[in-house]
Protein backbone atom coordinates (compact mmCIF):
# COMPACT_ATOMS: atom_id res chain seq x y z
CA ARG A 1 55.61 121.36 -115.35
CA ARG A 2 52.01 122.49 -115.10
CA GLY A 3 51.24 121.22 -111.65
CA CYS A 4 50.37 123.29 -108.67
CA GLN A 5 51.06 122.76 -105.02
CA LEU A 6 50.68 124.81 -101.90
CA SER A 7 52.89 123.84 -98.97
CA LEU A 8 52.00 125.11 -95.50
CA ARG A 9 54.18 125.20 -92.40
CA VAL A 10 52.77 126.25 -89.04
CA LYS A 11 54.92 128.31 -86.70
CA GLY A 12 55.19 126.96 -83.22
CA PRO A 13 55.42 123.46 -81.83
CA ARG A 14 55.50 120.63 -84.35
CA GLU A 15 52.21 119.25 -83.10
CA SER A 16 50.50 122.50 -84.18
CA GLY A 17 50.97 121.57 -87.82
CA ARG A 18 49.61 118.09 -87.19
CA LYS A 19 46.56 119.56 -85.44
CA LEU A 20 45.88 121.85 -88.41
CA PHE A 21 46.20 118.86 -90.74
CA GLU A 22 43.64 116.92 -88.69
CA HIS A 23 41.34 119.96 -88.60
CA LEU A 24 41.45 120.25 -92.40
CA GLN A 25 40.70 116.55 -92.81
CA GLY A 26 37.77 116.97 -90.42
CA ASP A 27 36.44 119.67 -92.74
CA ALA A 28 36.68 117.18 -95.66
CA ILE A 29 39.54 119.10 -97.28
CA VAL A 30 41.97 116.80 -99.05
CA VAL A 31 45.54 117.55 -97.99
CA ASP A 32 48.51 115.39 -97.11
CA TRP A 33 51.12 115.46 -94.39
CA ARG A 34 54.84 115.40 -95.15
CA GLU A 35 57.36 114.89 -92.42
CA PRO A 36 58.63 116.71 -90.59
CA ASP A 37 56.11 119.57 -90.69
CA VAL A 38 54.56 120.29 -94.09
CA ILE A 39 50.90 120.21 -95.13
CA ARG A 40 50.41 120.01 -98.88
CA ALA A 41 47.36 121.05 -100.86
CA ALA A 42 47.19 120.73 -104.63
CA PRO A 43 44.39 122.83 -106.11
CA THR A 44 44.18 121.63 -109.71
CA PRO A 45 42.12 123.75 -112.13
CA LEU A 46 40.62 120.68 -113.83
CA TYR A 47 39.18 119.35 -110.57
CA ASN A 48 38.86 122.27 -108.17
CA ARG A 49 36.94 125.51 -108.30
CA HIS A 50 37.87 128.78 -106.65
CA MET A 51 35.35 127.99 -103.91
CA ASP A 52 37.39 124.91 -102.98
CA CYS A 53 40.41 127.15 -102.43
CA ARG A 54 38.27 129.53 -100.42
CA ARG A 55 37.07 126.64 -98.21
CA LEU A 56 40.71 125.79 -97.50
CA VAL A 57 41.56 129.37 -96.51
CA GLU A 58 38.43 129.73 -94.38
CA SER A 59 39.13 126.45 -92.60
CA VAL A 60 42.69 127.52 -91.80
CA ALA A 61 41.36 130.86 -90.51
CA ARG A 62 38.80 129.11 -88.26
CA TRP A 63 41.53 126.88 -86.86
CA ARG A 64 43.79 129.89 -86.25
CA ASP A 65 41.02 131.82 -84.50
CA THR A 66 40.36 128.97 -82.06
CA ARG A 67 43.99 128.67 -80.96
């Protein structure tokens, strides 16, 4: 009802999504993997600040730029 969730799917081979998931975990960003190809992040206002969301976006951008 008041939850929030961001689901990410990576275009391309299935292993691309898994590699992004591992990259995010390496950056100490808490996400989870859902088969077959979904990465979930749940930025909750009580626990996360806007900078946490920014770290997620910047980490995804770094991963994208190194592909």
